[in-house]
């Protein structure tokens, strides 16, 4: 979870992680040299809930989301990795559902649906697209074709990745890019050999003017 100018949304994000039905979770928050009180909110949250498996990594200078996510990859100790933006939330069963599919299929990536919500009005839609292809895809050519056909959404969030796969293939984000998800997903699907899907909506992406 990146920490950068997210004070207005951070507690909701952290509570959604705290309330997961799957509890064997390591949470890494990365302070991208934010100048608001996001770090203080996170520190208080960890202390108040006595979260021993939660940690904060502090960067010496603002480096951008690409670098933050790369550090998240390099420091992950678990079997799986899940990216969550600090102004978004996940459903209580999000991680449990994705892990269950990952364990059953052995897929290198498991994806579920993302719902977009207007922060002020609460209006909801699938602004990033909605996949209908729910079968496990095996084979790199088939995976890449599914991406070309729009069956794999170009977002890094709300996907469960095998940490060992990402590290071995060195699939990192390019530093300095503002919108890096599309390029990264393209580079990812050039190498992925197996993708599985979970049909439920497990992630809320908030739309706001910040």
N, C-alpha and C. Protein backbone atom coordinates (compact mmCIF):
# COMPACT_ATOMS: atom_id res chain seq x y z
N UNK A 1 0.85 -1.19 0.00
CA UNK A 1 0.00 0.00 0.00
C UNK A 1 0.89 1.24 0.00
N UNK A 2 0.79 2.09 -1.02
CA UNK A 2 1.58 3.31 -1.03
C UNK A 2 1.01 4.37 -0.10
N UNK A 3 1.89 5.15 0.51
CA UNK A 3 1.47 6.26 1.34
C UNK A 3 1.94 7.55 0.67
N UNK A 4 0.99 8.26 0.05
CA UNK A 4 1.32 9.54 -0.56
C UNK A 4 0.04 10.36 -0.74
N UNK A 5 -0.08 11.41 0.04
CA UNK A 5 -1.22 12.33 -0.03
C UNK A 5 -2.56 11.60 -0.02
N UNK A 6 -2.70 10.70 0.94
CA UNK A 6 -3.90 9.86 0.97
C UNK A 6 -4.65 9.95 2.30
N UNK A 7 -4.38 11.01 3.07
CA UNK A 7 -4.92 11.10 4.43
C UNK A 7 -6.44 11.00 4.48
N UNK A 8 -7.12 11.57 3.47
CA UNK A 8 -8.58 11.60 3.50
C UNK A 8 -9.21 10.23 3.27
N UNK A 9 -8.44 9.29 2.75
CA UNK A 9 -9.00 7.99 2.38
C UNK A 9 -8.35 6.82 3.10
N UNK A 10 -7.22 7.06 3.75
CA UNK A 10 -6.37 5.97 4.20
C UNK A 10 -7.02 5.07 5.24
N UNK A 11 -7.72 5.65 6.19
CA UNK A 11 -8.29 4.82 7.25
C UNK A 11 -9.31 3.82 6.70
N UNK A 12 -10.09 4.25 5.73
CA UNK A 12 -11.04 3.32 5.11
C UNK A 12 -10.32 2.18 4.42
N UNK A 13 -9.22 2.49 3.75
CA UNK A 13 -8.41 1.47 3.10
C UNK A 13 -7.86 0.48 4.12
N UNK A 14 -7.26 1.01 5.18
CA UNK A 14 -6.63 0.14 6.18
C UNK A 14 -7.66 -0.72 6.90
N UNK A 15 -8.82 -0.15 7.18
CA UNK A 15 -9.87 -0.94 7.84
C UNK A 15 -10.33 -2.09 6.95
N UNK A 16 -10.36 -1.87 5.64
CA UNK A 16 -10.79 -2.94 4.73
C UNK A 16 -9.79 -4.09 4.74
N UNK A 17 -8.52 -3.79 4.98
CA UNK A 17 -7.51 -4.84 5.09
C UNK A 17 -7.61 -5.53 6.45
N UNK A 18 -7.79 -4.73 7.49
CA UNK A 18 -7.91 -5.28 8.84
C UNK A 18 -9.07 -6.26 8.95
N UNK A 19 -10.14 -6.02 8.20
CA UNK A 19 -11.36 -6.81 8.30
C UNK A 19 -11.37 -8.04 7.39
N UNK A 20 -10.22 -8.41 6.82
CA UNK A 20 -10.17 -9.56 5.93
C UNK A 20 -10.47 -10.87 6.67
N UNK A 21 -11.26 -11.72 6.04
CA UNK A 21 -11.54 -13.03 6.61
C UNK A 21 -10.32 -13.94 6.53
N UNK A 22 -9.44 -13.67 5.57
CA UNK A 22 -8.16 -14.36 5.47
C UNK A 22 -7.15 -13.54 6.26
N UNK A 23 -6.61 -14.11 7.33
CA UNK A 23 -5.85 -13.31 8.29
C UNK A 23 -4.33 -13.48 8.19
N UNK A 24 -3.86 -14.45 7.43
CA UNK A 24 -2.40 -14.69 7.34
C UNK A 24 -1.80 -13.73 6.31
N UNK A 25 -1.80 -12.44 6.68
CA UNK A 25 -1.42 -11.39 5.74
C UNK A 25 -0.29 -10.54 6.30
N UNK A 26 0.71 -10.29 5.47
CA UNK A 26 1.76 -9.32 5.76
C UNK A 26 1.41 -8.04 5.01
N UNK A 27 1.34 -6.93 5.72
CA UNK A 27 0.97 -5.66 5.10
C UNK A 27 2.18 -4.72 5.11
N UNK A 28 2.58 -4.28 3.93
CA UNK A 28 3.68 -3.34 3.80
C UNK A 28 3.16 -2.02 3.27
N UNK A 29 3.30 -0.98 4.07
CA UNK A 29 2.96 0.37 3.65
C UNK A 29 4.26 1.09 3.31
N UNK A 30 4.30 1.77 2.16
CA UNK A 30 5.53 2.41 1.73
C UNK A 30 5.32 3.91 1.64
N UNK A 31 6.01 4.63 2.51
CA UNK A 31 5.93 6.09 2.59
C UNK A 31 6.77 6.70 1.48
N UNK A 32 6.09 7.23 0.47
CA UNK A 32 6.78 7.82 -0.68
C UNK A 32 7.05 9.31 -0.42
N UNK A 33 7.64 9.57 0.74
CA UNK A 33 8.00 10.94 1.15
C UNK A 33 6.78 11.86 1.09
N UNK A 34 5.66 11.37 1.62
CA UNK A 34 4.44 12.17 1.63
C UNK A 34 4.58 13.32 2.64
N UNK A 35 3.94 14.44 2.33
CA UNK A 35 4.05 15.62 3.20
C UNK A 35 2.77 15.88 4.00
N UNK A 36 1.78 15.01 3.86
CA UNK A 36 0.60 15.15 4.70
C UNK A 36 0.75 14.23 5.91
N UNK A 37 -0.32 13.98 6.63
CA UNK A 37 -0.23 13.18 7.85
C UNK A 37 -0.60 11.72 7.64
N UNK A 38 -0.43 11.23 6.42
CA UNK A 38 -0.75 9.84 6.12
C UNK A 38 0.08 8.87 6.97
N UNK A 39 1.36 9.16 7.13
CA UNK A 39 2.23 8.28 7.92
C UNK A 39 1.76 8.21 9.36
N UNK A 40 1.38 9.36 9.92
CA UNK A 40 0.90 9.38 11.30
C UNK A 40 -0.37 8.56 11.45
N UNK A 41 -1.26 8.67 10.47
CA UNK A 41 -2.50 7.87 10.49
C UNK A 41 -2.17 6.39 10.48
N UNK A 42 -1.23 6.00 9.61
CA UNK A 42 -0.85 4.59 9.50
C UNK A 42 -0.17 4.10 10.77
N UNK A 43 0.72 4.90 11.32
CA UNK A 43 1.42 4.51 12.56
C UNK A 43 0.44 4.35 13.70
N UNK A 44 -0.50 5.27 13.82
CA UNK A 44 -1.51 5.17 14.89
C UNK A 44 -2.39 3.94 14.70
N UNK A 45 -2.74 3.67 13.46
CA UNK A 45 -3.59 2.51 13.16
C UNK A 45 -2.88 1.22 13.56
N UNK A 46 -1.62 1.09 13.20
CA UNK A 46 -0.85 -0.11 13.53
C UNK A 46 -0.70 -0.27 15.03
N UNK A 47 -0.42 0.84 15.71
CA UNK A 47 -0.23 0.79 17.16
C UNK A 47 -1.54 0.48 17.89
N UNK A 48 -2.62 1.14 17.48
CA UNK A 48 -3.91 0.95 18.15
C UNK A 48 -4.43 -0.47 18.02
N UNK A 49 -4.16 -1.10 16.87
CA UNK A 49 -4.66 -2.46 16.63
C UNK A 49 -3.59 -3.52 16.89
N UNK A 50 -2.40 -3.07 17.34
CA UNK A 50 -1.30 -3.98 17.67
C UNK A 50 -1.04 -4.98 16.53
N UNK A 51 -0.76 -4.44 15.37
CA UNK A 51 -0.60 -5.23 14.15
C UNK A 51 0.87 -5.59 13.94
N UNK A 52 1.26 -6.73 14.42
CA UNK A 52 2.66 -7.13 14.38
C UNK A 52 3.15 -7.50 12.98
N UNK A 53 2.25 -7.84 12.07
CA UNK A 53 2.66 -8.22 10.71
C UNK A 53 2.52 -7.06 9.73
N UNK A 54 2.28 -5.86 10.25
CA UNK A 54 2.21 -4.65 9.42
C UNK A 54 3.48 -3.84 9.63
N UNK A 55 4.01 -3.26 8.56
CA UNK A 55 5.22 -2.45 8.67
C UNK A 55 5.16 -1.28 7.70
N UNK A 56 5.95 -0.26 8.00
CA UNK A 56 6.05 0.91 7.13
C UNK A 56 7.50 1.05 6.67
N UNK A 57 7.68 1.17 5.37
CA UNK A 57 9.01 1.45 4.80
C UNK A 57 9.03 2.91 4.36
N UNK A 58 10.07 3.63 4.77
CA UNK A 58 10.16 5.07 4.47
C UNK A 58 11.19 5.31 3.36
N UNK A 59 10.77 6.01 2.31
CA UNK A 59 11.68 6.40 1.24
C UNK A 59 12.24 7.79 1.52
N UNK A 60 13.50 8.02 1.18
CA UNK A 60 14.16 9.29 1.46
C UNK A 60 13.66 10.42 0.57
N UNK A 61 13.12 10.08 -0.59
CA UNK A 61 12.60 11.09 -1.50
C UNK A 61 11.42 10.54 -2.26
N UNK A 62 10.57 11.44 -2.76
CA UNK A 62 9.41 11.01 -3.53
C UNK A 62 9.87 10.36 -4.83
N UNK A 63 9.47 9.10 -5.04
CA UNK A 63 9.98 8.32 -6.16
C UNK A 63 8.90 7.85 -7.12
N UNK A 64 7.64 7.99 -6.76
CA UNK A 64 6.55 7.60 -7.66
C UNK A 64 6.06 6.19 -7.42
N UNK A 65 4.86 5.91 -7.93
CA UNK A 65 4.19 4.64 -7.68
C UNK A 65 4.95 3.44 -8.24
N UNK A 66 5.63 3.62 -9.37
CA UNK A 66 6.39 2.51 -9.95
C UNK A 66 7.44 1.99 -8.99
N UNK A 67 8.22 2.91 -8.43
CA UNK A 67 9.27 2.53 -7.48
C UNK A 67 8.66 1.92 -6.23
N UNK A 68 7.58 2.51 -5.74
CA UNK A 68 6.91 1.98 -4.55
C UNK A 68 6.48 0.54 -4.75
N UNK A 69 5.86 0.25 -5.88
CA UNK A 69 5.40 -1.12 -6.14
C UNK A 69 6.57 -2.07 -6.33
N UNK A 70 7.64 -1.61 -6.95
CA UNK A 70 8.83 -2.46 -7.08
C UNK A 70 9.40 -2.84 -5.73
N UNK A 71 9.43 -1.88 -4.81
CA UNK A 71 9.91 -2.17 -3.46
C UNK A 71 8.97 -3.15 -2.77
N UNK A 72 7.67 -2.98 -3.01
CA UNK A 72 6.70 -3.94 -2.46
C UNK A 72 6.98 -5.35 -2.93
N UNK A 73 7.33 -5.49 -4.21
CA UNK A 73 7.68 -6.81 -4.75
C UNK A 73 8.93 -7.37 -4.09
N UNK A 74 9.95 -6.54 -4.00
CA UNK A 74 11.25 -7.00 -3.50
C UNK A 74 11.22 -7.36 -2.02
N UNK A 75 10.33 -6.74 -1.26
CA UNK A 75 10.30 -6.97 0.19
C UNK A 75 9.21 -7.95 0.63
N UNK A 76 8.41 -8.43 -0.32
CA UNK A 76 7.32 -9.36 0.03
C UNK A 76 7.88 -10.70 0.47
N UNK A 77 7.41 -11.19 1.59
CA UNK A 77 7.88 -12.46 2.15
C UNK A 77 6.89 -13.61 1.96
N UNK A 78 5.68 -13.31 1.56
CA UNK A 78 4.65 -14.34 1.45
C UNK A 78 4.68 -15.05 0.11
N UNK A 79 3.76 -15.96 -0.06
CA UNK A 79 3.64 -16.71 -1.32
C UNK A 79 3.01 -15.84 -2.41
N UNK A 80 2.07 -15.00 -2.00
CA UNK A 80 1.33 -14.18 -2.94
C UNK A 80 1.55 -12.69 -2.66
N UNK A 81 1.28 -11.88 -3.69
CA UNK A 81 1.38 -10.42 -3.58
C UNK A 81 0.11 -9.80 -4.14
N UNK A 82 -0.39 -8.77 -3.44
CA UNK A 82 -1.60 -8.08 -3.85
C UNK A 82 -1.35 -6.58 -3.72
N UNK A 83 -1.53 -5.83 -4.81
CA UNK A 83 -1.37 -4.37 -4.77
C UNK A 83 -2.71 -3.72 -4.40
N UNK A 84 -2.67 -2.81 -3.44
CA UNK A 84 -3.86 -2.06 -3.04
C UNK A 84 -3.50 -0.58 -2.95
N UNK A 85 -4.23 0.26 -3.67
CA UNK A 85 -3.99 1.70 -3.59
C UNK A 85 -4.62 2.26 -2.33
N UNK A 86 -4.01 3.29 -1.78
CA UNK A 86 -4.37 3.78 -0.45
C UNK A 86 -5.68 4.55 -0.41
N UNK A 87 -6.26 4.87 -1.56
CA UNK A 87 -7.57 5.52 -1.56
C UNK A 87 -8.68 4.57 -2.02
N UNK A 88 -8.39 3.29 -2.04
CA UNK A 88 -9.37 2.27 -2.43
C UNK A 88 -9.65 1.32 -1.26
N UNK A 89 -10.63 0.45 -1.43
CA UNK A 89 -10.95 -0.56 -0.41
C UNK A 89 -11.18 -1.92 -1.06
N UNK A 90 -11.06 -2.96 -0.24
CA UNK A 90 -11.37 -4.31 -0.71
C UNK A 90 -12.47 -4.90 0.18
N UNK A 91 -13.22 -5.83 -0.38
CA UNK A 91 -14.28 -6.48 0.39
C UNK A 91 -13.66 -7.40 1.44
N UNK A 92 -14.38 -7.69 2.53
CA UNK A 92 -13.81 -8.52 3.60
C UNK A 92 -13.32 -9.89 3.14
N UNK A 93 -13.91 -10.44 2.08
CA UNK A 93 -13.52 -11.78 1.62
C UNK A 93 -12.60 -11.74 0.40
N UNK A 94 -12.08 -10.57 0.05
CA UNK A 94 -11.28 -10.40 -1.15
C UNK A 94 -10.09 -11.36 -1.19
N UNK A 95 -9.22 -11.27 -0.22
CA UNK A 95 -8.00 -12.08 -0.24
C UNK A 95 -8.32 -13.56 -0.13
N UNK A 96 -9.28 -13.91 0.70
CA UNK A 96 -9.66 -15.31 0.87
C UNK A 96 -10.11 -15.91 -0.46
N UNK A 97 -10.96 -15.20 -1.19
CA UNK A 97 -11.47 -15.71 -2.46
C UNK A 97 -10.35 -15.88 -3.48
N UNK A 98 -9.45 -14.90 -3.55
CA UNK A 98 -8.37 -14.97 -4.53
C UNK A 98 -7.38 -16.08 -4.18
N UNK A 99 -7.07 -16.22 -2.89
CA UNK A 99 -6.14 -17.27 -2.46
C UNK A 99 -6.74 -18.65 -2.75
N UNK A 100 -8.02 -18.81 -2.48
CA UNK A 100 -8.66 -20.11 -2.74
C UNK A 100 -8.54 -20.50 -4.21
N UNK A 101 -8.74 -19.54 -5.11
CA UNK A 101 -8.61 -19.82 -6.55
C UNK A 101 -7.14 -20.11 -6.89
N UNK A 102 -6.24 -19.32 -6.31
CA UNK A 102 -4.82 -19.53 -6.56
C UNK A 102 -4.35 -20.90 -6.12
N UNK A 103 -4.79 -21.33 -4.95
CA UNK A 103 -4.38 -22.63 -4.43
C UNK A 103 -4.99 -23.77 -5.24
N UNK A 104 -6.22 -23.57 -5.71
CA UNK A 104 -6.89 -24.63 -6.47
C UNK A 104 -6.32 -24.78 -7.87
N UNK A 105 -5.94 -23.67 -8.49
CA UNK A 105 -5.52 -23.71 -9.89
C UNK A 105 -4.00 -23.68 -10.06
N UNK A 106 -3.29 -23.13 -9.07
CA UNK A 106 -1.85 -22.96 -9.22
C UNK A 106 -1.47 -21.86 -10.18
N UNK A 107 -2.42 -20.98 -10.51
CA UNK A 107 -2.20 -19.93 -11.50
C UNK A 107 -1.17 -18.91 -11.01
N UNK A 108 -0.43 -18.36 -11.95
CA UNK A 108 0.56 -17.33 -11.62
C UNK A 108 -0.11 -16.00 -11.28
N UNK A 109 -1.34 -15.82 -11.76
CA UNK A 109 -2.11 -14.61 -11.46
C UNK A 109 -3.59 -14.97 -11.35
N UNK A 110 -4.24 -14.39 -10.34
CA UNK A 110 -5.69 -14.55 -10.17
C UNK A 110 -6.31 -13.16 -10.14
N UNK A 111 -7.37 -12.95 -10.90
CA UNK A 111 -8.01 -11.64 -10.99
C UNK A 111 -9.49 -11.74 -10.66
N UNK A 112 -10.02 -10.68 -10.05
CA UNK A 112 -11.46 -10.57 -9.85
C UNK A 112 -11.92 -9.17 -10.28
N UNK A 113 -13.20 -8.90 -10.12
CA UNK A 113 -13.78 -7.68 -10.69
C UNK A 113 -13.48 -6.44 -9.84
N UNK A 114 -13.33 -5.29 -10.53
CA UNK A 114 -13.14 -4.00 -9.88
C UNK A 114 -14.38 -3.13 -10.12
N UNK A 115 -14.92 -2.60 -9.04
CA UNK A 115 -16.06 -1.68 -9.14
C UNK A 115 -15.57 -0.26 -8.91
N UNK A 116 -16.02 0.68 -9.72
CA UNK A 116 -15.67 2.08 -9.54
C UNK A 116 -16.82 2.79 -8.81
N UNK A 117 -16.46 3.68 -7.89
CA UNK A 117 -17.48 4.40 -7.14
C UNK A 117 -17.10 5.88 -7.04
N UNK A 118 -18.05 6.74 -7.36
CA UNK A 118 -17.86 8.17 -7.17
C UNK A 118 -17.85 8.46 -5.68
N UNK A 119 -16.74 9.03 -5.20
CA UNK A 119 -16.56 9.18 -3.75
C UNK A 119 -17.64 10.07 -3.13
N UNK A 120 -18.06 11.11 -3.85
CA UNK A 120 -19.03 12.05 -3.28
C UNK A 120 -20.46 11.54 -3.37
N UNK A 121 -20.81 10.88 -4.47
CA UNK A 121 -22.21 10.52 -4.70
C UNK A 121 -22.52 9.05 -4.40
N UNK A 122 -21.50 8.20 -4.44
CA UNK A 122 -21.73 6.77 -4.22
C UNK A 122 -22.17 6.04 -5.47
N UNK A 123 -22.26 6.74 -6.60
CA UNK A 123 -22.65 6.08 -7.86
C UNK A 123 -21.59 5.06 -8.27
N UNK A 124 -22.03 3.90 -8.73
CA UNK A 124 -21.11 2.81 -9.04
C UNK A 124 -21.25 2.34 -10.48
N UNK A 125 -20.14 1.92 -11.06
CA UNK A 125 -20.15 1.28 -12.37
C UNK A 125 -18.84 0.54 -12.57
N UNK A 126 -18.71 -0.15 -13.68
CA UNK A 126 -17.48 -0.87 -14.00
C UNK A 126 -16.69 -0.04 -15.01
N UNK A 127 -16.12 1.08 -14.54
CA UNK A 127 -15.49 2.04 -15.45
C UNK A 127 -14.19 1.51 -16.05
N UNK A 128 -13.61 0.49 -15.46
CA UNK A 128 -12.37 -0.08 -16.00
C UNK A 128 -12.64 -1.27 -16.91
N UNK A 129 -13.90 -1.60 -17.06
CA UNK A 129 -14.25 -2.78 -17.84
C UNK A 129 -14.63 -3.93 -16.94
N UNK A 130 -15.30 -4.90 -17.49
CA UNK A 130 -15.76 -6.05 -16.73
C UNK A 130 -15.47 -7.30 -17.53
N UNK A 131 -14.70 -8.22 -16.96
CA UNK A 131 -14.39 -9.41 -17.75
C UNK A 131 -15.50 -10.44 -17.64
N UNK A 132 -15.70 -11.14 -18.73
CA UNK A 132 -16.71 -12.19 -18.79
C UNK A 132 -16.08 -13.55 -18.98
N UNK A 133 -14.78 -13.55 -19.32
CA UNK A 133 -14.06 -14.81 -19.52
C UNK A 133 -13.60 -15.32 -18.15
N UNK A 134 -14.23 -16.38 -17.67
CA UNK A 134 -13.96 -16.82 -16.30
C UNK A 134 -13.25 -18.17 -16.24
N UNK A 135 -12.84 -18.69 -17.37
CA UNK A 135 -12.11 -19.95 -17.37
C UNK A 135 -10.63 -19.68 -17.11
N UNK A 136 -9.96 -20.64 -16.50
CA UNK A 136 -8.52 -20.54 -16.33
C UNK A 136 -7.84 -20.61 -17.70
N UNK A 137 -6.91 -19.70 -17.95
CA UNK A 137 -6.21 -19.65 -19.23
C UNK A 137 -4.82 -20.23 -19.05
N UNK A 138 -4.49 -21.22 -19.85
CA UNK A 138 -3.20 -21.89 -19.74
C UNK A 138 -2.42 -21.70 -21.04
N UNK A 139 -1.14 -21.39 -20.91
CA UNK A 139 -0.28 -21.22 -22.08
C UNK A 139 -0.06 -19.75 -22.38
N UNK A 140 1.19 -19.37 -22.63
CA UNK A 140 1.51 -17.96 -22.81
C UNK A 140 0.80 -17.34 -24.00
N UNK A 141 0.73 -18.07 -25.11
CA UNK A 141 0.07 -17.51 -26.29
C UNK A 141 -1.40 -17.22 -26.02
N UNK A 142 -2.05 -18.12 -25.30
CA UNK A 142 -3.47 -17.94 -24.97
C UNK A 142 -3.66 -16.78 -24.00
N UNK A 143 -2.74 -16.65 -23.03
CA UNK A 143 -2.82 -15.55 -22.06
C UNK A 143 -2.67 -14.22 -22.78
N UNK A 144 -1.67 -14.11 -23.64
CA UNK A 144 -1.43 -12.85 -24.33
C UNK A 144 -2.59 -12.50 -25.27
N UNK A 145 -3.15 -13.50 -25.93
CA UNK A 145 -4.29 -13.25 -26.80
C UNK A 145 -5.49 -12.75 -26.00
N UNK A 146 -5.66 -13.30 -24.79
CA UNK A 146 -6.76 -12.85 -23.93
C UNK A 146 -6.56 -11.38 -23.55
N UNK A 147 -5.31 -10.98 -23.30
CA UNK A 147 -5.03 -9.58 -23.00
C UNK A 147 -5.35 -8.70 -24.21
N UNK A 148 -4.93 -9.13 -25.39
CA UNK A 148 -5.20 -8.38 -26.62
C UNK A 148 -6.71 -8.23 -26.84
N UNK A 149 -7.46 -9.27 -26.50
CA UNK A 149 -8.90 -9.26 -26.70
C UNK A 149 -9.66 -8.55 -25.58
N UNK A 150 -8.95 -7.98 -24.62
CA UNK A 150 -9.59 -7.24 -23.55
C UNK A 150 -10.16 -8.10 -22.44
N UNK A 151 -9.75 -9.36 -22.36
CA UNK A 151 -10.26 -10.25 -21.32
C UNK A 151 -9.44 -10.18 -20.03
N UNK A 152 -8.28 -9.52 -20.09
CA UNK A 152 -7.47 -9.27 -18.90
C UNK A 152 -7.33 -7.77 -18.76
N UNK A 153 -7.86 -7.20 -17.69
CA UNK A 153 -7.88 -5.76 -17.51
C UNK A 153 -6.47 -5.23 -17.22
N UNK A 154 -6.21 -4.01 -17.70
CA UNK A 154 -4.88 -3.40 -17.57
C UNK A 154 -4.73 -2.66 -16.24
N UNK A 155 -4.93 -3.35 -15.16
CA UNK A 155 -4.74 -2.75 -13.84
C UNK A 155 -3.87 -3.68 -13.00
N UNK A 156 -3.01 -3.08 -12.19
CA UNK A 156 -2.16 -3.89 -11.32
C UNK A 156 -2.89 -4.29 -10.05
N UNK A 157 -3.88 -3.50 -9.66
CA UNK A 157 -4.60 -3.77 -8.42
C UNK A 157 -5.62 -4.88 -8.62
N UNK A 158 -6.05 -5.44 -7.50
CA UNK A 158 -7.07 -6.49 -7.45
C UNK A 158 -6.68 -7.74 -8.22
N UNK A 159 -5.39 -8.03 -8.21
CA UNK A 159 -4.88 -9.26 -8.79
C UNK A 159 -3.92 -9.89 -7.78
N UNK A 160 -3.98 -11.19 -7.66
CA UNK A 160 -3.09 -11.91 -6.76
C UNK A 160 -2.00 -12.56 -7.59
N UNK A 161 -0.74 -12.26 -7.25
CA UNK A 161 0.40 -12.76 -8.01
C UNK A 161 1.25 -13.71 -7.18
N UNK A 162 1.81 -14.72 -7.83
CA UNK A 162 2.83 -15.52 -7.17
C UNK A 162 4.10 -14.68 -7.07
N UNK A 163 4.55 -14.43 -5.86
CA UNK A 163 5.72 -13.58 -5.65
C UNK A 163 6.95 -14.17 -6.35
N UNK A 164 7.13 -15.47 -6.24
CA UNK A 164 8.30 -16.11 -6.84
C UNK A 164 8.32 -15.91 -8.35
N UNK A 165 7.15 -15.93 -8.98
CA UNK A 165 7.08 -15.74 -10.43
C UNK A 165 7.51 -14.33 -10.82
N UNK A 166 6.98 -13.32 -10.13
CA UNK A 166 7.32 -11.94 -10.46
C UNK A 166 8.82 -11.69 -10.28
N UNK A 167 9.39 -12.24 -9.19
CA UNK A 167 10.80 -12.01 -8.92
C UNK A 167 11.69 -12.75 -9.92
N UNK A 168 11.35 -13.97 -10.22
CA UNK A 168 12.16 -14.76 -11.16
C UNK A 168 12.14 -14.14 -12.56
N UNK A 169 10.98 -13.66 -12.99
CA UNK A 169 10.86 -13.09 -14.32
C UNK A 169 11.24 -11.61 -14.36
N UNK A 170 11.49 -11.03 -13.17
CA UNK A 170 11.90 -9.62 -13.06
C UNK A 170 10.90 -8.69 -13.78
N UNK A 171 9.64 -8.88 -13.45
CA UNK A 171 8.60 -8.07 -14.07
C UNK A 171 8.34 -6.85 -13.19
N UNK A 172 9.14 -5.81 -13.41
CA UNK A 172 9.07 -4.61 -12.59
C UNK A 172 8.43 -3.46 -13.35
N UNK A 173 7.95 -2.47 -12.60
CA UNK A 173 7.39 -1.26 -13.18
C UNK A 173 8.53 -0.33 -13.60
N UNK A 174 8.29 0.44 -14.64
CA UNK A 174 9.29 1.39 -15.15
C UNK A 174 9.21 2.68 -14.33
N UNK A 175 10.27 3.06 -13.64
CA UNK A 175 10.24 4.29 -12.84
C UNK A 175 9.99 5.52 -13.70
N UNK A 176 9.26 6.47 -13.13
CA UNK A 176 9.05 7.74 -13.81
C UNK A 176 7.80 7.84 -14.66
N UNK A 177 7.08 6.75 -14.83
CA UNK A 177 5.86 6.80 -15.64
C UNK A 177 4.66 7.12 -14.75
N UNK A 178 3.78 7.98 -15.24
CA UNK A 178 2.60 8.36 -14.47
C UNK A 178 1.54 7.26 -14.50
N UNK A 179 1.22 6.77 -15.69
CA UNK A 179 0.22 5.71 -15.85
C UNK A 179 0.94 4.45 -16.32
N UNK A 180 1.38 3.65 -15.37
CA UNK A 180 2.26 2.53 -15.70
C UNK A 180 1.54 1.18 -15.81
N UNK A 181 0.28 1.13 -15.41
CA UNK A 181 -0.40 -0.16 -15.36
C UNK A 181 -0.52 -0.83 -16.73
N UNK A 182 -0.83 -0.03 -17.77
CA UNK A 182 -1.03 -0.61 -19.10
C UNK A 182 0.26 -1.25 -19.62
N UNK A 183 1.37 -0.53 -19.51
CA UNK A 183 2.65 -1.07 -19.98
C UNK A 183 3.05 -2.29 -19.16
N UNK A 184 2.88 -2.20 -17.84
CA UNK A 184 3.29 -3.32 -16.98
C UNK A 184 2.46 -4.57 -17.26
N UNK A 185 1.15 -4.40 -17.45
CA UNK A 185 0.29 -5.55 -17.74
C UNK A 185 0.66 -6.16 -19.09
N UNK A 186 0.99 -5.31 -20.05
CA UNK A 186 1.46 -5.80 -21.36
C UNK A 186 2.73 -6.64 -21.19
N UNK A 187 3.70 -6.11 -20.44
CA UNK A 187 4.95 -6.84 -20.22
C UNK A 187 4.70 -8.12 -19.42
N UNK A 188 3.75 -8.06 -18.50
CA UNK A 188 3.39 -9.22 -17.69
C UNK A 188 2.82 -10.34 -18.55
N UNK A 189 1.89 -9.97 -19.43
CA UNK A 189 1.22 -11.00 -20.24
C UNK A 189 2.12 -11.53 -21.36
N UNK A 190 3.22 -10.87 -21.62
CA UNK A 190 4.19 -11.44 -22.56
C UNK A 190 4.86 -12.68 -21.97
N UNK A 191 4.76 -12.84 -20.63
CA UNK A 191 5.46 -13.94 -19.97
C UNK A 191 4.55 -14.88 -19.19
N UNK A 192 3.36 -14.42 -18.80
CA UNK A 192 2.47 -15.26 -18.01
C UNK A 192 2.10 -16.55 -18.74
N UNK A 193 2.04 -17.63 -17.96
CA UNK A 193 1.64 -18.92 -18.52
C UNK A 193 0.31 -19.43 -17.99
N UNK A 194 -0.21 -18.78 -16.93
CA UNK A 194 -1.48 -19.24 -16.38
C UNK A 194 -2.17 -18.10 -15.64
N UNK A 195 -3.45 -17.93 -15.94
CA UNK A 195 -4.27 -16.89 -15.32
C UNK A 195 -5.61 -17.51 -14.93
N UNK A 196 -6.06 -17.20 -13.72
CA UNK A 196 -7.37 -17.68 -13.28
C UNK A 196 -8.23 -16.49 -12.87
N UNK A 197 -9.54 -16.69 -12.87
CA UNK A 197 -10.47 -15.60 -12.59
C UNK A 197 -11.40 -15.97 -11.45
N UNK A 198 -11.75 -14.97 -10.65
CA UNK A 198 -12.75 -15.09 -9.60
C UNK A 198 -13.85 -14.11 -9.97
N UNK A 199 -15.07 -14.57 -10.13
CA UNK A 199 -16.12 -13.78 -10.77
C UNK A 199 -16.64 -12.62 -9.95
N UNK A 200 -16.41 -12.63 -8.64
CA UNK A 200 -17.04 -11.63 -7.77
C UNK A 200 -16.30 -10.29 -7.80
N UNK A 201 -17.01 -9.24 -7.44
CA UNK A 201 -16.42 -7.91 -7.27
C UNK A 201 -15.81 -7.84 -5.87
N UNK A 202 -14.51 -7.59 -5.81
CA UNK A 202 -13.82 -7.61 -4.52
C UNK A 202 -13.04 -6.33 -4.24
N UNK A 203 -13.10 -5.35 -5.16
CA UNK A 203 -12.27 -4.15 -5.04
C UNK A 203 -13.10 -2.94 -5.43
N UNK A 204 -13.05 -1.88 -4.62
CA UNK A 204 -13.71 -0.62 -4.96
C UNK A 204 -12.67 0.44 -5.27
N UNK A 205 -12.70 0.94 -6.50
CA UNK A 205 -11.80 1.99 -6.97
C UNK A 205 -12.56 3.30 -6.90
N UNK A 206 -12.11 4.20 -6.01
CA UNK A 206 -12.86 5.45 -5.79
C UNK A 206 -12.40 6.53 -6.77
N UNK A 207 -13.38 7.23 -7.32
CA UNK A 207 -13.15 8.34 -8.22
C UNK A 207 -13.38 9.63 -7.46
N UNK A 208 -12.35 10.49 -7.42
CA UNK A 208 -12.45 11.74 -6.66
C UNK A 208 -11.51 12.77 -7.27
N UNK A 209 -11.59 14.00 -6.81
CA UNK A 209 -10.83 15.07 -7.44
C UNK A 209 -9.42 15.24 -6.85
N UNK A 210 -9.01 14.32 -6.00
CA UNK A 210 -7.66 14.38 -5.44
C UNK A 210 -6.69 13.44 -6.12
